[in-house]
Amino acid sequence: MNLSIQGARHWVLPVVAAAFVVAGCATMNRGMNAHRIVLQGSQEVPPVTTAATGSGTVTIMADGSVSGSVTTTGITATAAHIHQGARGANGPVIVPMTKSADNTWSFPAGAKLTEPQLAAHRVGNLYVNVHSAAHPGGEIRAQISGN
């Protein structure tokens, strides 16, 4: 097949434009990690037998900014937080959440991780924990996966 320069002009521009679109999409989420989480009593340390569950999204930006929310069922929650700790271990509260609606907890504007906390996130050592009066140490939990 013999393509002339004139004929090549008709397909080169669309191919180059498509390459820029794909590259733009690939970089659009750079620095952002949206994590879908499912909270269960079996993930608590020690495990909790409960009918309570939760789900939500935690988004952590490259600068440490945190956003998202968790919705729970089967629990009268008293608090919700991000804690720093590996799977199977407990750790300190690092980002508190606020009750934003019935059974919904959200991160307040300006919530942000420090550099050491971002490093913990990269290796999967952060988790979301929802507390109740019956289980003040936490009733349901979900590990936030690393990058």
N, C-alpha and C. Protein backbone atom coordinates (compact mmCIF):
# COMPACT_ATOMS: atom_id res chain seq x y z
N MET A 1 0.85 -1.16 0.00
CA MET A 1 0.00 0.00 0.00
C MET A 1 0.90 1.23 0.00
N ASN A 2 0.58 2.20 -0.79
CA ASN A 2 1.38 3.41 -0.93
C ASN A 2 0.57 4.59 -0.42
N LEU A 3 0.98 5.17 0.71
CA LEU A 3 0.29 6.32 1.25
C LEU A 3 1.02 7.58 0.84
N SER A 4 0.30 8.49 0.29
CA SER A 4 0.92 9.76 -0.08
C SER A 4 0.93 10.68 1.14
N ILE A 5 1.72 11.71 1.08
CA ILE A 5 1.76 12.70 2.18
C ILE A 5 0.39 13.32 2.33
N GLN A 6 -0.29 13.59 1.24
CA GLN A 6 -1.63 14.18 1.28
C GLN A 6 -2.58 13.25 2.04
N GLY A 7 -2.53 11.95 1.75
CA GLY A 7 -3.41 10.98 2.41
C GLY A 7 -3.07 10.83 3.89
N ALA A 8 -1.81 10.93 4.24
CA ALA A 8 -1.38 10.79 5.63
C ALA A 8 -1.91 11.92 6.49
N ARG A 9 -2.08 13.08 5.92
CA ARG A 9 -2.59 14.23 6.68
C ARG A 9 -3.97 13.96 7.25
N HIS A 10 -4.75 13.13 6.60
CA HIS A 10 -6.12 12.87 7.04
C HIS A 10 -6.18 12.00 8.29
N TRP A 11 -5.19 11.20 8.55
CA TRP A 11 -5.23 10.35 9.75
C TRP A 11 -4.24 10.76 10.81
N VAL A 12 -3.22 11.53 10.49
CA VAL A 12 -2.23 11.91 11.49
C VAL A 12 -2.84 12.82 12.55
N LEU A 13 -3.57 13.84 12.15
CA LEU A 13 -4.14 14.78 13.11
C LEU A 13 -5.08 14.09 14.11
N PRO A 14 -6.02 13.26 13.67
CA PRO A 14 -6.87 12.57 14.65
C PRO A 14 -6.09 11.66 15.59
N VAL A 15 -5.07 10.99 15.08
CA VAL A 15 -4.27 10.10 15.93
C VAL A 15 -3.51 10.91 16.98
N VAL A 16 -2.91 12.02 16.57
CA VAL A 16 -2.17 12.87 17.52
C VAL A 16 -3.13 13.45 18.55
N ALA A 17 -4.30 13.90 18.12
CA ALA A 17 -5.29 14.46 19.06
C ALA A 17 -5.73 13.40 20.06
N ALA A 18 -5.98 12.19 19.59
CA ALA A 18 -6.38 11.10 20.49
C ALA A 18 -5.28 10.81 21.50
N ALA A 19 -4.03 10.86 21.08
CA ALA A 19 -2.91 10.61 22.00
C ALA A 19 -2.88 11.65 23.11
N PHE A 20 -3.15 12.92 22.78
CA PHE A 20 -3.18 13.97 23.81
C PHE A 20 -4.34 13.76 24.78
N VAL A 21 -5.48 13.33 24.29
CA VAL A 21 -6.64 13.08 25.15
C VAL A 21 -6.32 11.95 26.13
N VAL A 22 -5.76 10.86 25.62
CA VAL A 22 -5.40 9.73 26.49
C VAL A 22 -4.37 10.15 27.52
N ALA A 23 -3.36 10.90 27.12
CA ALA A 23 -2.34 11.37 28.06
C ALA A 23 -2.95 12.28 29.11
N GLY A 24 -3.88 13.13 28.71
CA GLY A 24 -4.53 14.03 29.66
C GLY A 24 -5.34 13.26 30.69
N CYS A 25 -6.06 12.23 30.24
CA CYS A 25 -6.83 11.40 31.17
C CYS A 25 -5.93 10.66 32.14
N ALA A 26 -4.80 10.21 31.66
CA ALA A 26 -3.88 9.47 32.52
C ALA A 26 -3.31 10.34 33.62
N THR A 27 -3.12 11.63 33.35
CA THR A 27 -2.54 12.51 34.36
C THR A 27 -3.60 13.20 35.20
N MET A 28 -4.86 13.13 34.79
CA MET A 28 -5.91 13.82 35.51
C MET A 28 -6.02 13.33 36.96
N ASN A 29 -5.86 12.05 37.20
CA ASN A 29 -5.99 11.50 38.54
C ASN A 29 -4.66 11.37 39.26
N ARG A 30 -3.57 11.84 38.63
CA ARG A 30 -2.27 11.76 39.29
C ARG A 30 -2.34 12.54 40.59
N GLY A 31 -1.86 11.93 41.64
CA GLY A 31 -1.87 12.61 42.93
C GLY A 31 -3.17 12.43 43.68
N MET A 32 -4.09 11.64 43.15
CA MET A 32 -5.36 11.43 43.84
C MET A 32 -5.59 9.94 44.00
N ASN A 33 -5.97 9.54 45.19
CA ASN A 33 -6.31 8.14 45.45
C ASN A 33 -7.69 8.08 46.09
N ALA A 34 -8.68 7.64 45.32
CA ALA A 34 -10.02 7.45 45.84
C ALA A 34 -10.16 5.98 46.22
N HIS A 35 -10.47 5.74 47.47
CA HIS A 35 -10.57 4.38 47.99
C HIS A 35 -12.01 4.08 48.37
N ARG A 36 -12.57 3.07 47.78
CA ARG A 36 -13.89 2.56 48.15
C ARG A 36 -13.67 1.63 49.33
N ILE A 37 -14.38 1.85 50.42
CA ILE A 37 -14.18 1.02 51.62
C ILE A 37 -15.49 0.39 52.07
N VAL A 38 -15.36 -0.78 52.69
CA VAL A 38 -16.48 -1.49 53.31
C VAL A 38 -16.06 -1.80 54.74
N LEU A 39 -16.82 -1.27 55.69
CA LEU A 39 -16.49 -1.44 57.11
C LEU A 39 -17.27 -2.61 57.69
N GLN A 40 -16.57 -3.44 58.47
CA GLN A 40 -17.18 -4.61 59.10
C GLN A 40 -16.59 -4.80 60.49
N GLY A 41 -17.36 -5.43 61.36
CA GLY A 41 -16.88 -5.74 62.70
C GLY A 41 -15.74 -6.75 62.69
N SER A 42 -15.71 -7.62 61.70
CA SER A 42 -14.66 -8.63 61.61
C SER A 42 -13.28 -8.03 61.37
N GLN A 43 -13.23 -6.77 60.91
CA GLN A 43 -11.95 -6.11 60.66
C GLN A 43 -11.41 -5.40 61.90
N GLU A 44 -12.23 -5.29 62.93
CA GLU A 44 -11.79 -4.65 64.18
C GLU A 44 -10.72 -5.50 64.86
N VAL A 45 -9.95 -4.86 65.73
CA VAL A 45 -8.91 -5.55 66.50
C VAL A 45 -9.18 -5.29 67.98
N PRO A 46 -9.67 -6.30 68.73
CA PRO A 46 -10.07 -7.64 68.27
C PRO A 46 -11.39 -7.57 67.49
N PRO A 47 -11.70 -8.64 66.71
CA PRO A 47 -12.93 -8.65 65.92
C PRO A 47 -14.17 -8.46 66.78
N VAL A 48 -15.18 -7.80 66.23
CA VAL A 48 -16.44 -7.54 66.91
C VAL A 48 -17.55 -8.27 66.17
N THR A 49 -18.39 -8.98 66.90
CA THR A 49 -19.56 -9.60 66.31
C THR A 49 -20.67 -8.56 66.31
N THR A 50 -21.09 -8.14 65.12
CA THR A 50 -22.09 -7.08 65.00
C THR A 50 -22.80 -7.21 63.65
N ALA A 51 -24.04 -6.72 63.61
CA ALA A 51 -24.77 -6.65 62.35
C ALA A 51 -24.47 -5.32 61.63
N ALA A 52 -23.76 -4.43 62.29
CA ALA A 52 -23.45 -3.12 61.72
C ALA A 52 -22.51 -3.26 60.52
N THR A 53 -22.69 -2.39 59.55
CA THR A 53 -21.81 -2.31 58.40
C THR A 53 -21.69 -0.84 57.99
N GLY A 54 -20.77 -0.59 57.12
CA GLY A 54 -20.61 0.76 56.59
C GLY A 54 -19.92 0.70 55.25
N SER A 55 -20.08 1.75 54.47
CA SER A 55 -19.38 1.85 53.20
C SER A 55 -19.18 3.32 52.86
N GLY A 56 -18.22 3.57 52.01
CA GLY A 56 -17.98 4.94 51.61
C GLY A 56 -16.75 5.07 50.75
N THR A 57 -16.32 6.30 50.59
CA THR A 57 -15.15 6.61 49.79
C THR A 57 -14.27 7.57 50.57
N VAL A 58 -12.97 7.27 50.57
CA VAL A 58 -11.97 8.16 51.15
C VAL A 58 -11.04 8.56 50.01
N THR A 59 -10.91 9.85 49.78
CA THR A 59 -10.02 10.36 48.74
C THR A 59 -8.86 11.09 49.40
N ILE A 60 -7.66 10.67 49.05
CA ILE A 60 -6.45 11.28 49.61
C ILE A 60 -5.64 11.85 48.45
N MET A 61 -5.43 13.15 48.49
CA MET A 61 -4.68 13.84 47.43
C MET A 61 -3.19 13.80 47.74
N ALA A 62 -2.37 14.07 46.73
CA ALA A 62 -0.91 14.04 46.89
C ALA A 62 -0.43 15.02 47.95
N ASP A 63 -1.16 16.13 48.16
CA ASP A 63 -0.76 17.11 49.18
C ASP A 63 -1.24 16.73 50.57
N GLY A 64 -1.92 15.57 50.70
CA GLY A 64 -2.41 15.11 51.99
C GLY A 64 -3.85 15.47 52.28
N SER A 65 -4.49 16.27 51.42
CA SER A 65 -5.90 16.63 51.63
C SER A 65 -6.77 15.38 51.62
N VAL A 66 -7.73 15.34 52.53
CA VAL A 66 -8.61 14.18 52.67
C VAL A 66 -10.05 14.63 52.49
N SER A 67 -10.82 13.86 51.72
CA SER A 67 -12.25 14.13 51.57
C SER A 67 -12.98 12.79 51.46
N GLY A 68 -14.29 12.87 51.56
CA GLY A 68 -15.10 11.66 51.44
C GLY A 68 -16.07 11.52 52.59
N SER A 69 -16.74 10.39 52.60
CA SER A 69 -17.73 10.13 53.64
C SER A 69 -17.96 8.63 53.79
N VAL A 70 -18.58 8.28 54.91
CA VAL A 70 -18.93 6.90 55.22
C VAL A 70 -20.38 6.89 55.68
N THR A 71 -21.15 5.95 55.17
CA THR A 71 -22.54 5.76 55.60
C THR A 71 -22.63 4.42 56.31
N THR A 72 -23.28 4.41 57.46
CA THR A 72 -23.38 3.20 58.28
C THR A 72 -24.82 2.72 58.38
N THR A 73 -24.97 1.42 58.70
CA THR A 73 -26.28 0.84 59.00
C THR A 73 -26.11 -0.08 60.20
N GLY A 74 -27.16 -0.18 61.01
CA GLY A 74 -27.16 -1.10 62.14
C GLY A 74 -26.30 -0.67 63.31
N ILE A 75 -25.98 0.61 63.40
CA ILE A 75 -25.13 1.11 64.47
C ILE A 75 -25.58 2.53 64.84
N THR A 76 -25.56 2.82 66.12
CA THR A 76 -25.72 4.19 66.58
C THR A 76 -24.31 4.68 66.86
N ALA A 77 -23.72 5.30 65.86
CA ALA A 77 -22.31 5.69 65.94
C ALA A 77 -22.13 6.89 66.84
N THR A 78 -21.03 6.88 67.59
CA THR A 78 -20.68 8.00 68.45
C THR A 78 -19.50 8.80 67.90
N ALA A 79 -18.72 8.20 67.02
CA ALA A 79 -17.56 8.87 66.42
C ALA A 79 -17.06 8.05 65.24
N ALA A 80 -16.33 8.73 64.36
CA ALA A 80 -15.69 8.06 63.22
C ALA A 80 -14.39 8.81 62.93
N HIS A 81 -13.36 8.07 62.55
CA HIS A 81 -12.04 8.67 62.34
C HIS A 81 -11.23 7.84 61.34
N ILE A 82 -10.15 8.47 60.84
CA ILE A 82 -9.05 7.72 60.24
C ILE A 82 -8.03 7.53 61.36
N HIS A 83 -7.56 6.31 61.49
CA HIS A 83 -6.50 5.97 62.44
C HIS A 83 -5.26 5.54 61.65
N GLN A 84 -4.11 5.68 62.27
CA GLN A 84 -2.89 5.16 61.66
C GLN A 84 -2.58 3.83 62.32
N GLY A 85 -2.54 2.78 61.52
CA GLY A 85 -2.25 1.45 62.02
C GLY A 85 -2.34 0.43 60.91
N ALA A 86 -1.49 -0.56 60.99
CA ALA A 86 -1.47 -1.64 60.01
C ALA A 86 -2.68 -2.55 60.20
N ARG A 87 -2.98 -3.33 59.19
CA ARG A 87 -4.03 -4.34 59.30
C ARG A 87 -3.70 -5.23 60.50
N GLY A 88 -4.68 -5.47 61.35
CA GLY A 88 -4.47 -6.32 62.51
C GLY A 88 -3.90 -5.60 63.72
N ALA A 89 -3.70 -4.28 63.61
CA ALA A 89 -3.16 -3.49 64.73
C ALA A 89 -4.01 -2.23 64.92
N ASN A 90 -4.05 -1.75 66.13
CA ASN A 90 -4.75 -0.50 66.42
C ASN A 90 -3.74 0.64 66.45
N GLY A 91 -4.23 1.85 66.21
CA GLY A 91 -3.36 3.01 66.23
C GLY A 91 -4.13 4.27 66.58
N PRO A 92 -3.41 5.39 66.66
CA PRO A 92 -4.03 6.65 67.09
C PRO A 92 -4.92 7.28 66.01
N VAL A 93 -5.87 8.09 66.48
CA VAL A 93 -6.71 8.88 65.58
C VAL A 93 -5.82 9.93 64.92
N ILE A 94 -5.96 10.08 63.59
CA ILE A 94 -5.21 11.13 62.91
C ILE A 94 -6.11 12.11 62.16
N VAL A 95 -7.32 11.67 61.75
CA VAL A 95 -8.26 12.58 61.09
C VAL A 95 -9.66 12.28 61.61
N PRO A 96 -10.23 13.18 62.40
CA PRO A 96 -11.61 12.97 62.86
C PRO A 96 -12.61 13.27 61.74
N MET A 97 -13.75 12.62 61.82
CA MET A 97 -14.84 12.87 60.89
C MET A 97 -15.97 13.53 61.67
N THR A 98 -16.87 14.20 60.96
CA THR A 98 -18.01 14.84 61.61
C THR A 98 -19.30 14.23 61.07
N LYS A 99 -20.31 14.18 61.93
CA LYS A 99 -21.60 13.64 61.50
C LYS A 99 -22.24 14.67 60.58
N SER A 100 -22.52 14.28 59.34
CA SER A 100 -23.06 15.22 58.36
C SER A 100 -24.53 14.96 58.03
N ALA A 101 -25.03 13.79 58.39
CA ALA A 101 -26.43 13.42 58.20
C ALA A 101 -26.69 12.16 59.02
N ASP A 102 -27.95 11.73 59.08
CA ASP A 102 -28.23 10.48 59.78
C ASP A 102 -27.39 9.37 59.18
N ASN A 103 -26.62 8.70 60.02
CA ASN A 103 -25.79 7.56 59.62
C ASN A 103 -24.69 7.91 58.62
N THR A 104 -24.34 9.17 58.47
CA THR A 104 -23.29 9.57 57.55
C THR A 104 -22.25 10.43 58.26
N TRP A 105 -20.99 10.07 58.05
CA TRP A 105 -19.85 10.78 58.63
C TRP A 105 -18.98 11.26 57.49
N SER A 106 -18.54 12.52 57.55
CA SER A 106 -17.76 13.13 56.48
C SER A 106 -16.50 13.77 57.04
N PHE A 107 -15.53 13.98 56.15
CA PHE A 107 -14.31 14.67 56.55
C PHE A 107 -14.56 16.17 56.48
N PRO A 108 -14.16 16.91 57.50
CA PRO A 108 -14.36 18.37 57.47
C PRO A 108 -13.46 19.03 56.43
N ALA A 109 -13.87 20.18 55.95
CA ALA A 109 -13.05 20.95 55.01
C ALA A 109 -11.70 21.22 55.66
N GLY A 110 -10.65 21.07 54.88
CA GLY A 110 -9.31 21.33 55.39
C GLY A 110 -8.64 20.14 56.04
N ALA A 111 -9.32 18.99 56.10
CA ALA A 111 -8.69 17.79 56.69
C ALA A 111 -7.46 17.42 55.85
N LYS A 112 -6.36 17.14 56.53
CA LYS A 112 -5.12 16.90 55.80
C LYS A 112 -4.19 15.98 56.59
N LEU A 113 -3.52 15.09 55.86
CA LEU A 113 -2.52 14.20 56.44
C LEU A 113 -1.16 14.90 56.43
N THR A 114 -0.33 14.54 57.41
CA THR A 114 1.05 15.02 57.43
C THR A 114 1.89 14.13 56.50
N GLU A 115 3.13 14.52 56.26
CA GLU A 115 4.01 13.69 55.42
C GLU A 115 4.18 12.28 55.99
N PRO A 116 4.45 12.11 57.31
CA PRO A 116 4.56 10.74 57.84
C PRO A 116 3.26 9.94 57.69
N GLN A 117 2.11 10.61 57.80
CA GLN A 117 0.83 9.93 57.62
C GLN A 117 0.62 9.54 56.16
N LEU A 118 1.05 10.40 55.22
CA LEU A 118 1.00 10.04 53.80
C LEU A 118 1.87 8.82 53.52
N ALA A 119 3.02 8.76 54.15
CA ALA A 119 3.91 7.60 53.99
C ALA A 119 3.22 6.34 54.51
N ALA A 120 2.52 6.46 55.64
CA ALA A 120 1.76 5.32 56.18
C ALA A 120 0.66 4.91 55.21
N HIS A 121 0.01 5.89 54.59
CA HIS A 121 -1.03 5.59 53.60
C HIS A 121 -0.47 4.81 52.42
N ARG A 122 0.70 5.20 51.95
CA ARG A 122 1.29 4.53 50.78
C ARG A 122 1.54 3.05 51.03
N VAL A 123 1.76 2.66 52.27
CA VAL A 123 2.00 1.23 52.56
C VAL A 123 0.77 0.55 53.18
N GLY A 124 -0.39 1.25 53.15
CA GLY A 124 -1.64 0.64 53.61
C GLY A 124 -1.84 0.64 55.11
N ASN A 125 -1.18 1.56 55.82
CA ASN A 125 -1.28 1.58 57.28
C ASN A 125 -2.20 2.67 57.82
N LEU A 126 -3.33 2.88 57.14
CA LEU A 126 -4.39 3.75 57.65
C LEU A 126 -5.70 2.97 57.59
N TYR A 127 -6.60 3.28 58.52
CA TYR A 127 -7.91 2.64 58.50
C TYR A 127 -8.98 3.59 59.00
N VAL A 128 -10.23 3.34 58.58
CA VAL A 128 -11.38 4.08 59.07
C VAL A 128 -12.06 3.22 60.11
N ASN A 129 -12.42 3.84 61.21
CA ASN A 129 -13.02 3.16 62.35
C ASN A 129 -14.26 3.94 62.77
N VAL A 130 -15.37 3.24 63.01
CA VAL A 130 -16.59 3.86 63.51
C VAL A 130 -16.87 3.27 64.89
N HIS A 131 -17.06 4.16 65.86
CA HIS A 131 -17.22 3.79 67.27
C HIS A 131 -18.70 3.86 67.68
N SER A 132 -19.04 3.13 68.73
CA SER A 132 -20.39 3.16 69.31
C SER A 132 -20.27 3.08 70.83
N ALA A 133 -21.36 3.34 71.52
CA ALA A 133 -21.35 3.23 72.98
C ALA A 133 -21.07 1.78 73.40
N ALA A 134 -21.62 0.82 72.65
CA ALA A 134 -21.40 -0.59 72.97
C ALA A 134 -19.96 -1.02 72.71
N HIS A 135 -19.31 -0.36 71.75
CA HIS A 135 -17.92 -0.69 71.38
C HIS A 135 -17.12 0.60 71.24
N PRO A 136 -16.74 1.20 72.38
CA PRO A 136 -16.06 2.49 72.33
C PRO A 136 -14.70 2.46 71.63
N GLY A 137 -14.08 1.30 71.53
CA GLY A 137 -12.81 1.18 70.81
C GLY A 137 -13.00 1.04 69.31
N GLY A 138 -14.24 0.84 68.88
CA GLY A 138 -14.57 0.70 67.47
C GLY A 138 -15.44 -0.51 67.23
N GLU A 139 -16.51 -0.31 66.46
CA GLU A 139 -17.42 -1.43 66.15
C GLU A 139 -17.22 -1.95 64.74
N ILE A 140 -16.93 -1.06 63.80
CA ILE A 140 -16.69 -1.48 62.42
C ILE A 140 -15.46 -0.74 61.88
N ARG A 141 -14.76 -1.41 60.99
CA ARG A 141 -13.48 -0.89 60.51
C ARG A 141 -13.22 -1.31 59.07
N ALA A 142 -12.45 -0.49 58.35
CA ALA A 142 -11.98 -0.84 57.01
C ALA A 142 -10.58 -0.27 56.83
N GLN A 143 -9.69 -1.10 56.38
CA GLN A 143 -8.32 -0.64 56.06
C GLN A 143 -8.39 0.16 54.76
N ILE A 144 -7.64 1.25 54.67
CA ILE A 144 -7.54 2.03 53.44
C ILE A 144 -6.33 1.51 52.70
N SER A 145 -6.55 0.97 51.52
CA SER A 145 -5.43 0.39 50.79
C SER A 145 -4.43 1.47 50.41
N GLY A 146 -3.17 1.08 50.28
CA GLY A 146 -2.12 2.02 49.88
C GLY A 146 -2.23 2.35 48.41
N ASN A 147 -1.24 3.07 47.91
CA ASN A 147 -1.25 3.48 46.50
C ASN A 147 -1.24 2.28 45.64
